[in-house]
C-alpha atoms as a PDB file:
ATOM      1  CA  MET A   1      -5.201   8.543   7.769  1.00  0.00           C
ATOM      2  CA  ILE A   2      -2.303   6.122   8.023  1.00  0.00           C
ATOM      3  CA  LYS A   3       1.169   7.619   8.494  1.00  0.00           C
ATOM      4  CA  GLU A   4       3.875   7.435   5.865  1.00  0.00           C
ATOM      5  CA  ILE A   5       6.247   5.577   8.219  1.00  0.00           C
ATOM      6  CA  GLU A   6       3.633   2.828   8.641  1.00  0.00           C
ATOM      7  CA  MET A   7       3.478   2.491   4.861  1.00  0.00           C
ATOM      8  CA  TYR A   8       7.286   2.301   4.668  1.00  0.00           C
ATOM      9  CA  LYS A   9       7.357  -0.606   7.136  1.00  0.00           C
ATOM     10  CA  THR A  10       5.178  -2.708   4.808  1.00  0.00           C
ATOM     11  CA  GLN A  11       7.788  -2.888   2.049  1.00  0.00           C
ATOM     12  CA  GLY A  12       8.843  -6.499   1.461  1.00  0.00           C
ATOM     13  CA  LYS A  13       5.918  -7.933   3.438  1.00  0.00           C
ATOM     14  CA  ASN A  14       2.616  -9.656   2.692  1.00  0.00           C
ATOM     15  CA  ILE A  15      -0.153  -7.311   3.783  1.00  0.00           C
ATOM     16  CA  LYS A  16      -3.872  -6.666   3.719  1.00  0.00           C
ATOM     17  CA  VAL A  17      -4.880  -3.087   2.978  1.00  0.00           C
ATOM     18  CA  ILE A  18      -8.298  -1.938   4.128  1.00  0.00           C
ATOM     19  CA  CYS A  19      -9.344   1.081   2.074  1.00  0.00           C
ATOM     20  CA  ILE A  20     -11.588   3.880   3.285  1.00  0.00           C
ATOM     21  CA  ASP A  21     -14.308   2.631   0.902  1.00  0.00           C
ATOM     22  CA  GLY A  22     -14.260  -0.778   2.650  1.00  0.00           C
ATOM     23  CA  GLN A  23     -12.375  -2.643  -0.080  1.00  0.00           C
ATOM     24  CA  GLU A  24      -9.767  -5.161   1.147  1.00  0.00           C
ATOM     25  CA  ILE A  25      -6.695  -5.847  -0.980  1.00  0.00           C
ATOM     26  CA  LYS A  26      -4.181  -8.589  -0.136  1.00  0.00           C
ATOM     27  CA  GLY A  27      -0.755  -8.799  -1.706  1.00  0.00           C
ATOM     28  CA  TYR A  28       3.001  -8.418  -1.451  1.00  0.00           C
ATOM     29  CA  CYS A  29       4.161  -4.830  -0.930  1.00  0.00           C
ATOM     30  CA  ASP A  30       7.020  -4.519  -3.368  1.00  0.00           C
ATOM     31  CA  ILE A  31       7.271  -0.740  -3.686  1.00  0.00           C
ATOM     32  CA  PHE A  32       6.933   2.188  -1.291  1.00  0.00           C
ATOM     33  CA  THR A  33       7.156   5.704  -2.720  1.00  0.00           C
ATOM     34  CA  GLN A  34       7.497   8.579  -0.282  1.00  0.00           C
ATOM     35  CA  ALA A  35       5.509  11.742  -0.862  1.00  0.00           C
ATOM     36  CA  LEU A  36       8.553  13.807  -1.893  1.00  0.00           C
ATOM     37  CA  ASP A  37       9.308  11.371  -4.744  1.00  0.00           C
ATOM     38  CA  ASN A  38       5.739  11.064  -6.008  1.00  0.00           C
ATOM     39  CA  GLU A  39       3.592  13.254  -8.253  1.00  0.00           C
ATOM     40  CA  PRO A  40       1.354  14.505  -6.764  1.00  0.00           C
ATOM     41  CA  GLU A  41       3.217  14.666  -3.461  1.00  0.00           C
ATOM     42  CA  ILE A  42       1.304  11.830  -1.807  1.00  0.00           C
ATOM     43  CA  ALA A  43       2.935   8.632  -0.511  1.00  0.00           C
ATOM     44  CA  SER A  44       1.923   5.338  -2.109  1.00  0.00           C
ATOM     45  CA  ILE A  45       2.546   1.611  -1.995  1.00  0.00           C
ATOM     46  CA  ALA A  46       2.440  -0.856  -4.883  1.00  0.00           C
ATOM     47  CA  LEU A  47       1.163  -4.375  -4.262  1.00  0.00           C
ATOM     48  CA  LYS A  48       1.830  -7.487  -6.303  1.00  0.00           C
ATOM     49  CA  ILE A  49      -1.394  -9.478  -6.214  1.00  0.00           C
ATOM     50  CA  PRO A  50      -1.222 -13.296  -6.464  1.00  0.00           C
ATOM     51  CA  ASP A  51      -2.489 -14.654  -9.804  1.00  0.00           C
ATOM     52  CA  ARG A  52      -2.439 -11.206 -11.475  1.00  0.00           C
ATOM     53  CA  SER A  53       0.161  -9.504 -13.588  1.00  0.00           C
ATOM     54  CA  GLY A  54       1.419  -6.050 -12.732  1.00  0.00           C
ATOM     55  CA  TYR A  55       0.895  -3.997  -9.596  1.00  0.00           C
ATOM     56  CA  ILE A  56      -1.876  -2.130  -7.836  1.00  0.00           C
ATOM     57  CA  GLU A  57      -0.832   1.293  -6.539  1.00  0.00           C
ATOM     58  CA  ILE A  58      -2.647   2.556  -3.457  1.00  0.00           C
ATOM     59  CA  MET A  59      -2.308   6.180  -2.397  1.00  0.00           C
ATOM     60  CA  GLN A  60      -2.028   7.199   1.277  1.00  0.00           C
ATOM     61  CA  PRO A  61      -5.430   8.979   1.527  1.00  0.00           C
ATOM     62  CA  GLU A  62      -7.151   5.800   0.268  1.00  0.00           C
ATOM     63  CA  ILE A  63      -5.814   3.638   3.124  1.00  0.00           C
ATOM     64  CA  LYS A  64      -7.807   3.164   6.316  1.00  0.00           C
ATOM     65  CA  SER A  65      -5.510   0.510   7.828  1.00  0.00           C
ATOM     66  CA  ILE A  66      -2.852  -2.064   7.006  1.00  0.00           C
ATOM     67  CA  GLU A  67      -2.441  -5.539   8.522  1.00  0.00           C
ATOM     68  CA  PHE A  68       0.535  -7.862   8.150  1.00  0.00           C
ATOM     69  CA  ILE A  69      -0.322 -11.394   7.026  1.00  0.00           C
ATOM     70  CA  ASP A  70       1.692 -14.614   6.751  1.00  0.00           C
END
């Protein structure tokens, strides 16, 4: 599982998230929520996806890896 500090470093960056189920999600990481501030106490990131309204929230246990993209 990816570490919370790695998730924190994605805030304000364009990233590709590879989920444990194999799904790939590309977007701008606008929000990082640490475990202590989340219910349930699991860290998450929220991505703004191009051409879509709103955000996609991805919880820490769902993330296999994160890559930075240009």
